[in-house]
Amino acid sequence: CGAEASDVDMWEAWGFGLSPKQYEKPWKKVLTWYSSARPDGNTYQLVNTFNQLLPNELCYIDNLSIAQYDYQFRHQDDDFVCVIDKMLNADVIILASPVYWYSLTPTFRKLFDRFTDLTELPHLKPKGKRLREKVFYLFATSVHAELPASFVLPVENTLNYFGWKFAGTIHVNCRGAFNRAEALPLLRKLADVLSAIS
């Protein structure tokens, strides 16, 4: 990936997933999907702050139509494949959600259920396999000092099941309001890492 040894050491020290030596190409494009009942709420503040540090494609997934998983696959005219295609056009994918009752938003839960299509529909299976070339991060806002395991584990376990690279989580405690001062150091570290290997 063209990363210097110091970049690799920095990466590992900051805890942002695997060493860039394990990837075959430099990262170039970052895509952020965010979801929230408030389009301009704490989660938006988090992803927008990161966007100011490292410009990326910022998409509000709740504007899209993603149907529930269906055993007969009758919802192929919704936006699910569009979401997957956008992911395939990126190198780094950020999923950003508030914690709602210890879990992701309903839209993200539907999206994760629909990932099943990538394992069962012949024309979508290659897309699911190509996502193994991507790297995923999870951004979260909550009123908790630490993220509940019930929030992180479904994401981590699902990505691991598909063989998609889960590189880490950034969480900001927003009890009261979004704390930009708390978020900036975390986001700046990740922005520096991604910039160093772009």
C-alpha atoms as a PDB file:
ATOM      1  CA  CYS A   1       0.000   0.000   0.000  1.00  0.00           C
ATOM      2  CA  GLY A   2       2.975   2.306  -0.037  1.00  0.00           C
ATOM      3  CA  ALA A   3       2.716   2.933   3.703  1.00  0.00           C
ATOM      4  CA  GLU A   4       5.961   3.707   5.461  1.00  0.00           C
ATOM      5  CA  ALA A   5       6.934   1.719   8.528  1.00  0.00           C
ATOM      6  CA  SER A   6       6.018   4.682  10.707  1.00  0.00           C
ATOM      7  CA  ASP A   7       2.509   4.671   9.195  1.00  0.00           C
ATOM      8  CA  VAL A   8       2.110   0.997  10.075  1.00  0.00           C
ATOM      9  CA  ASP A   9       3.310   1.603  13.636  1.00  0.00           C
ATOM     10  CA  MET A  10       0.922   4.568  13.929  1.00  0.00           C
ATOM     11  CA  TRP A  11      -1.963   2.455  12.636  1.00  0.00           C
ATOM     12  CA  GLU A  12      -1.359  -0.358  15.089  1.00  0.00           C
ATOM     13  CA  ALA A  13      -0.759   1.963  18.023  1.00  0.00           C
ATOM     14  CA  TRP A  14      -4.064   3.736  17.441  1.00  0.00           C
ATOM     15  CA  GLY A  15      -5.967   0.476  17.253  1.00  0.00           C
ATOM     16  CA  PHE A  16      -7.658   1.056  13.893  1.00  0.00           C
ATOM     17  CA  GLY A  17      -7.819  -2.523  12.736  1.00  0.00           C
ATOM     18  CA  LEU A  18      -5.385  -4.363  10.520  1.00  0.00           C
ATOM     19  CA  SER A  19      -2.066  -3.089   9.247  1.00  0.00           C
ATOM     20  CA  PRO A  20      -2.231  -1.456   5.794  1.00  0.00           C
ATOM     21  CA  LYS A  21       0.431  -3.958   4.701  1.00  0.00           C
ATOM     22  CA  GLN A  22      -2.399  -6.500   4.566  1.00  0.00           C
ATOM     23  CA  TYR A  23      -4.186  -4.652   1.755  1.00  0.00           C
ATOM     24  CA  GLU A  24      -3.288  -4.875  -1.903  1.00  0.00           C
ATOM     25  CA  LYS A  25      -4.099  -1.288  -2.903  1.00  0.00           C
ATOM     26  CA  PRO A  26      -4.171   2.160  -1.289  1.00  0.00           C
ATOM     27  CA  TRP A  27      -7.483   3.443  -0.018  1.00  0.00           C
ATOM     28  CA  LYS A  28      -8.852   6.292  -2.063  1.00  0.00           C
ATOM     29  CA  LYS A  29     -12.557   6.760  -1.483  1.00  0.00           C
ATOM     30  CA  VAL A  30     -14.463   6.883   1.805  1.00  0.00           C
ATOM     31  CA  LEU A  31     -18.231   6.366   1.910  1.00  0.00           C
ATOM     32  CA  THR A  32     -20.319   7.125   4.997  1.00  0.00           C
ATOM     33  CA  TRP A  33     -23.818   5.768   5.466  1.00  0.00           C
ATOM     34  CA  TYR A  34     -25.531   7.328   8.475  1.00  0.00           C
ATOM     35  CA  SER A  35     -28.958   6.750   9.960  1.00  0.00           C
ATOM     36  CA  SER A  36     -30.923   8.525  12.666  1.00  0.00           C
ATOM     37  CA  ALA A  37     -34.448   9.590  13.526  1.00  0.00           C
ATOM     38  CA  ARG A  38     -32.987  13.113  13.490  1.00  0.00           C
ATOM     39  CA  PRO A  39     -31.208  13.805  10.184  1.00  0.00           C
ATOM     40  CA  ASP A  40     -29.300  16.695  11.799  1.00  0.00           C
ATOM     41  CA  GLY A  41     -28.834  15.140  15.230  1.00  0.00           C
ATOM     42  CA  ASN A  42     -25.793  13.882  17.122  1.00  0.00           C
ATOM     43  CA  THR A  43     -24.906  11.196  14.588  1.00  0.00           C
ATOM     44  CA  TYR A  44     -24.953  13.755  11.779  1.00  0.00           C
ATOM     45  CA  GLN A  45     -22.734  16.028  13.880  1.00  0.00           C
ATOM     46  CA  LEU A  46     -20.284  13.159  14.285  1.00  0.00           C
ATOM     47  CA  VAL A  47     -20.070  12.216  10.602  1.00  0.00           C
ATOM     48  CA  ASN A  48     -20.071  15.844   9.475  1.00  0.00           C
ATOM     49  CA  THR A  49     -17.160  16.612  11.793  1.00  0.00           C
ATOM     50  CA  PHE A  50     -15.266  13.698  10.255  1.00  0.00           C
ATOM     51  CA  ASN A  51     -16.210  14.932   6.784  1.00  0.00           C
ATOM     52  CA  GLN A  52     -14.606  18.283   7.593  1.00  0.00           C
ATOM     53  CA  LEU A  53     -11.380  16.499   8.520  1.00  0.00           C
ATOM     54  CA  LEU A  54     -11.449  14.033   5.620  1.00  0.00           C
ATOM     55  CA  PRO A  55     -13.928  14.866   2.844  1.00  0.00           C
ATOM     56  CA  ASN A  56     -15.970  11.810   1.905  1.00  0.00           C
ATOM     57  CA  GLU A  57     -19.297  10.849   0.387  1.00  0.00           C
ATOM     58  CA  LEU A  58     -21.886  11.378   3.108  1.00  0.00           C
ATOM     59  CA  CYS A  59     -25.239   9.608   2.589  1.00  0.00           C
ATOM     60  CA  TYR A  60     -28.364   9.605   4.769  1.00  0.00           C
ATOM     61  CA  ILE A  61     -29.585   6.052   4.326  1.00  0.00           C
ATOM     62  CA  ASP A  62     -33.019   6.768   5.812  1.00  0.00           C
ATOM     63  CA  ASN A  63     -33.875   8.681   2.620  1.00  0.00           C
ATOM     64  CA  LEU A  64     -33.743   5.385   0.735  1.00  0.00           C
ATOM     65  CA  SER A  65     -36.269   2.589   0.494  1.00  0.00           C
ATOM     66  CA  ILE A  66     -34.922  -0.652   1.938  1.00  0.00           C
ATOM     67  CA  ALA A  67     -37.562  -3.330   2.337  1.00  0.00           C
ATOM     68  CA  GLN A  68     -37.593  -6.104   4.892  1.00  0.00           C
ATOM     69  CA  TYR A  69     -35.923  -9.391   3.982  1.00  0.00           C
ATOM     70  CA  ASP A  70     -38.346 -11.611   2.103  1.00  0.00           C
ATOM     71  CA  TYR A  71     -37.964 -15.356   1.564  1.00  0.00           C
ATOM     72  CA  GLN A  72     -39.440 -15.006  -1.937  1.00  0.00           C
ATOM     73  CA  PHE A  73     -37.173 -12.038  -2.775  1.00  0.00           C
ATOM     74  CA  ARG A  74     -40.084  -9.869  -3.859  1.00  0.00           C
ATOM     75  CA  HIS A  75     -38.399  -6.543  -3.037  1.00  0.00           C
ATOM     76  CA  GLN A  76     -35.735  -6.366  -5.722  1.00  0.00           C
ATOM     77  CA  ASP A  77     -37.017  -2.999  -6.929  1.00  0.00           C
ATOM     78  CA  ASP A  78     -36.047  -1.149  -3.740  1.00  0.00           C
ATOM     79  CA  ASP A  79     -32.737   0.644  -3.051  1.00  0.00           C
ATOM     80  CA  PHE A  80     -30.816  -2.263  -1.519  1.00  0.00           C
ATOM     81  CA  VAL A  81     -28.707  -3.007  -4.599  1.00  0.00           C
ATOM     82  CA  CYS A  82     -28.005   0.723  -4.980  1.00  0.00           C
ATOM     83  CA  VAL A  83     -26.567   0.724  -1.435  1.00  0.00           C
ATOM     84  CA  ILE A  84     -24.372  -2.267  -2.239  1.00  0.00           C
ATOM     85  CA  ASP A  85     -23.179  -0.733  -5.511  1.00  0.00           C
ATOM     86  CA  LYS A  86     -22.198   2.456  -3.704  1.00  0.00           C
ATOM     87  CA  MET A  87     -20.195   0.371  -1.242  1.00  0.00           C
ATOM     88  CA  LEU A  88     -18.447  -1.378  -4.115  1.00  0.00           C
ATOM     89  CA  ASN A  89     -17.380   1.998  -5.526  1.00  0.00           C
ATOM     90  CA  ALA A  90     -15.688   2.923  -2.234  1.00  0.00           C
ATOM     91  CA  ASP A  91     -12.603   1.622  -0.462  1.00  0.00           C
ATOM     92  CA  VAL A  92     -13.569   2.482   3.119  1.00  0.00           C
ATOM     93  CA  ILE A  93     -17.162   2.242   4.350  1.00  0.00           C
ATOM     94  CA  ILE A  94     -18.358   3.921   7.538  1.00  0.00           C
ATOM     95  CA  LEU A  95     -21.656   2.883   9.101  1.00  0.00           C
ATOM     96  CA  ALA A  96     -22.869   5.507  11.595  1.00  0.00           C
ATOM     97  CA  SER A  97     -25.805   5.082  13.947  1.00  0.00           C
ATOM     98  CA  PRO A  98     -27.095   6.244  17.310  1.00  0.00           C
ATOM     99  CA  VAL A  99     -27.761   3.567  19.891  1.00  0.00           C
ATOM    100  CA  TYR A 100     -31.508   2.895  19.984  1.00  0.00           C
ATOM    101  CA  TRP A 101     -32.489   0.456  22.722  1.00  0.00           C
ATOM    102  CA  TYR A 102     -29.006  -1.071  22.699  1.00  0.00           C
ATOM    103  CA  SER A 103     -29.112  -1.613  18.943  1.00  0.00           C
ATOM    104  CA  LEU A 104     -28.684  -0.037  15.506  1.00  0.00           C
ATOM    105  CA  THR A 105     -31.434   2.032  13.914  1.00  0.00           C
ATOM    106  CA  PRO A 106     -34.319   0.155  12.248  1.00  0.00           C
ATOM    107  CA  THR A 107     -32.995   1.090   8.796  1.00  0.00           C
ATOM    108  CA  PHE A 108     -29.606  -0.443   9.503  1.00  0.00           C
ATOM    109  CA  ARG A 109     -31.232  -3.552  10.968  1.00  0.00           C
ATOM    110  CA  LYS A 110     -33.209  -3.975   7.747  1.00  0.00           C
ATOM    111  CA  LEU A 111     -30.043  -3.467   5.713  1.00  0.00           C
ATOM    112  CA  PHE A 112     -28.215  -6.145   7.683  1.00  0.00           C
ATOM    113  CA  ASP A 113     -31.129  -8.542   7.241  1.00  0.00           C
ATOM    114  CA  ARG A 114     -31.054  -7.888   3.507  1.00  0.00           C
ATOM    115  CA  PHE A 115     -27.384  -8.812   3.351  1.00  0.00           C
ATOM    116  CA  THR A 116     -28.852 -12.318   3.212  1.00  0.00           C
ATOM    117  CA  ASP A 117     -29.694 -11.587  -0.443  1.00  0.00           C
ATOM    118  CA  LEU A 118     -25.965 -11.539  -1.125  1.00  0.00           C
ATOM    119  CA  THR A 119     -25.748 -15.179  -0.072  1.00  0.00           C
ATOM    120  CA  GLU A 120     -28.835 -16.504  -1.863  1.00  0.00           C
ATOM    121  CA  LEU A 121     -29.337 -14.641  -5.150  1.00  0.00           C
ATOM    122  CA  PRO A 122     -26.872 -15.787  -7.848  1.00  0.00           C
ATOM    123  CA  HIS A 123     -26.568 -12.352  -9.468  1.00  0.00           C
ATOM    124  CA  LEU A 124     -25.747 -10.734  -6.095  1.00  0.00           C
ATOM    125  CA  LYS A 125     -23.290 -13.303  -4.730  1.00  0.00           C
ATOM    126  CA  PRO A 126     -20.318 -11.791  -6.647  1.00  0.00           C
ATOM    127  CA  LYS A 127     -21.096  -8.386  -5.141  1.00  0.00           C
ATOM    128  CA  GLY A 128     -21.000  -9.821  -1.630  1.00  0.00           C
ATOM    129  CA  LYS A 129     -17.644 -11.440  -2.328  1.00  0.00           C
ATOM    130  CA  ARG A 130     -16.218  -8.203  -3.762  1.00  0.00           C
ATOM    131  CA  LEU A 131     -17.060  -6.430  -0.518  1.00  0.00           C
ATOM    132  CA  ARG A 132     -14.283  -8.501   1.067  1.00  0.00           C
ATOM    133  CA  GLU A 133     -11.927  -6.003  -0.569  1.00  0.00           C
ATOM    134  CA  LYS A 134     -13.436  -3.150   1.467  1.00  0.00           C
ATOM    135  CA  VAL A 135     -12.823  -1.991   5.018  1.00  0.00           C
ATOM    136  CA  PHE A 136     -15.647  -1.127   7.405  1.00  0.00           C
ATOM    137  CA  TYR A 137     -15.792   1.173  10.426  1.00  0.00           C
ATOM    138  CA  LEU A 138     -18.638   1.676  12.881  1.00  0.00           C
ATOM    139  CA  PHE A 139     -19.390   5.179  14.229  1.00  0.00           C
ATOM    140  CA  ALA A 140     -21.823   5.521  17.124  1.00  0.00           C
ATOM    141  CA  THR A 141     -23.384   8.133  19.361  1.00  0.00           C
ATOM    142  CA  SER A 142     -25.129   7.312  22.612  1.00  0.00           C
ATOM    143  CA  VAL A 143     -25.722   8.365  26.204  1.00  0.00           C
ATOM    144  CA  HIS A 144     -23.499   5.522  27.448  1.00  0.00           C
ATOM    145  CA  ALA A 145     -19.947   5.802  28.697  1.00  0.00           C
ATOM    146  CA  GLU A 146     -19.184   2.666  26.660  1.00  0.00           C
ATOM    147  CA  LEU A 147     -20.974   1.093  23.743  1.00  0.00           C
ATOM    148  CA  PRO A 148     -23.226  -1.827  24.684  1.00  0.00           C
ATOM    149  CA  ALA A 149     -21.961  -5.162  23.391  1.00  0.00           C
ATOM    150  CA  SER A 150     -25.425  -5.720  21.920  1.00  0.00           C
ATOM    151  CA  PHE A 151     -24.733  -2.800  19.567  1.00  0.00           C
ATOM    152  CA  VAL A 152     -21.249  -3.755  18.424  1.00  0.00           C
ATOM    153  CA  LEU A 153     -21.384  -7.555  18.264  1.00  0.00           C
ATOM    154  CA  PRO A 154     -24.125  -7.886  15.609  1.00  0.00           C
ATOM    155  CA  VAL A 155     -22.092  -5.621  13.322  1.00  0.00           C
ATOM    156  CA  GLU A 156     -18.757  -7.268  14.035  1.00  0.00           C
ATOM    157  CA  ASN A 157     -20.109 -10.812  13.806  1.00  0.00           C
ATOM    158  CA  THR A 158     -22.054 -10.139  10.602  1.00  0.00           C
ATOM    159  CA  LEU A 159     -19.072  -8.574   8.867  1.00  0.00           C
ATOM    160  CA  ASN A 160     -16.831 -11.402  10.020  1.00  0.00           C
ATOM    161  CA  TYR A 161     -19.343 -13.938   8.726  1.00  0.00           C
ATOM    162  CA  PHE A 162     -19.186 -12.404   5.247  1.00  0.00           C
ATOM    163  CA  GLY A 163     -15.409 -12.067   5.375  1.00  0.00           C
ATOM    164  CA  TRP A 164     -15.665  -8.266   5.289  1.00  0.00           C
ATOM    165  CA  LYS A 165     -12.938  -6.418   7.159  1.00  0.00           C
ATOM    166  CA  PHE A 166     -14.142  -4.736  10.363  1.00  0.00           C
ATOM    167  CA  ALA A 167     -11.457  -2.239  11.338  1.00  0.00           C
ATOM    168  CA  GLY A 168     -12.875  -0.607  14.443  1.00  0.00           C
ATOM    169  CA  THR A 169     -15.365   1.637  16.194  1.00  0.00           C
ATOM    170  CA  ILE A 170     -15.526   5.303  17.124  1.00  0.00           C
ATOM    171  CA  HIS A 171     -18.013   6.161  19.861  1.00  0.00           C
ATOM    172  CA  VAL A 172     -18.919   9.537  21.327  1.00  0.00           C
ATOM    173  CA  ASN A 173     -20.967   9.930  24.490  1.00  0.00           C
ATOM    174  CA  CYS A 174     -23.598  12.554  23.666  1.00  0.00           C
ATOM    175  CA  ARG A 175     -25.438  12.741  26.962  1.00  0.00           C
ATOM    176  CA  GLY A 176     -26.777  16.284  26.906  1.00  0.00           C
ATOM    177  CA  ALA A 177     -25.417  17.183  23.460  1.00  0.00           C
ATOM    178  CA  PHE A 178     -22.816  16.271  20.866  1.00  0.00           C
ATOM    179  CA  ASN A 179     -19.375  16.831  22.356  1.00  0.00           C
ATOM    180  CA  ARG A 180     -17.206  18.054  19.484  1.00  0.00           C
ATOM    181  CA  ALA A 181     -14.173  18.437  21.751  1.00  0.00           C
ATOM    182  CA  GLU A 182     -14.394  14.751  22.687  1.00  0.00           C
ATOM    183  CA  ALA A 183     -15.007  13.629  19.107  1.00  0.00           C
ATOM    184  CA  LEU A 184     -12.245  15.602  17.375  1.00  0.00           C
ATOM    185  CA  PRO A 185      -9.189  13.706  18.706  1.00  0.00           C
ATOM    186  CA  LEU A 186     -10.757  10.346  17.844  1.00  0.00           C
ATOM    187  CA  LEU A 187     -11.803  11.441  14.374  1.00  0.00           C
ATOM    188  CA  ARG A 188      -8.538  13.220  13.647  1.00  0.00           C
ATOM    189  CA  LYS A 189      -6.546  10.064  14.385  1.00  0.00           C
ATOM    190  CA  LEU A 190      -8.610   8.055  11.930  1.00  0.00           C
ATOM    191  CA  ALA A 191      -8.504  10.818   9.315  1.00  0.00           C
ATOM    192  CA  ASP A 192      -4.714  10.950   9.621  1.00  0.00           C
ATOM    193  CA  VAL A 193      -4.418   7.198   9.239  1.00  0.00           C
ATOM    194  CA  LEU A 194      -6.636   7.098   6.141  1.00  0.00           C
ATOM    195  CA  SER A 195      -4.872  10.092   4.620  1.00  0.00           C
ATOM    196  CA  ALA A 196      -1.472   8.502   5.182  1.00  0.00           C
ATOM    197  CA  ILE A 197      -2.310   5.495   3.035  1.00  0.00           C
ATOM    198  CA  SER A 198      -4.444   7.150   0.364  1.00  0.00           C
END
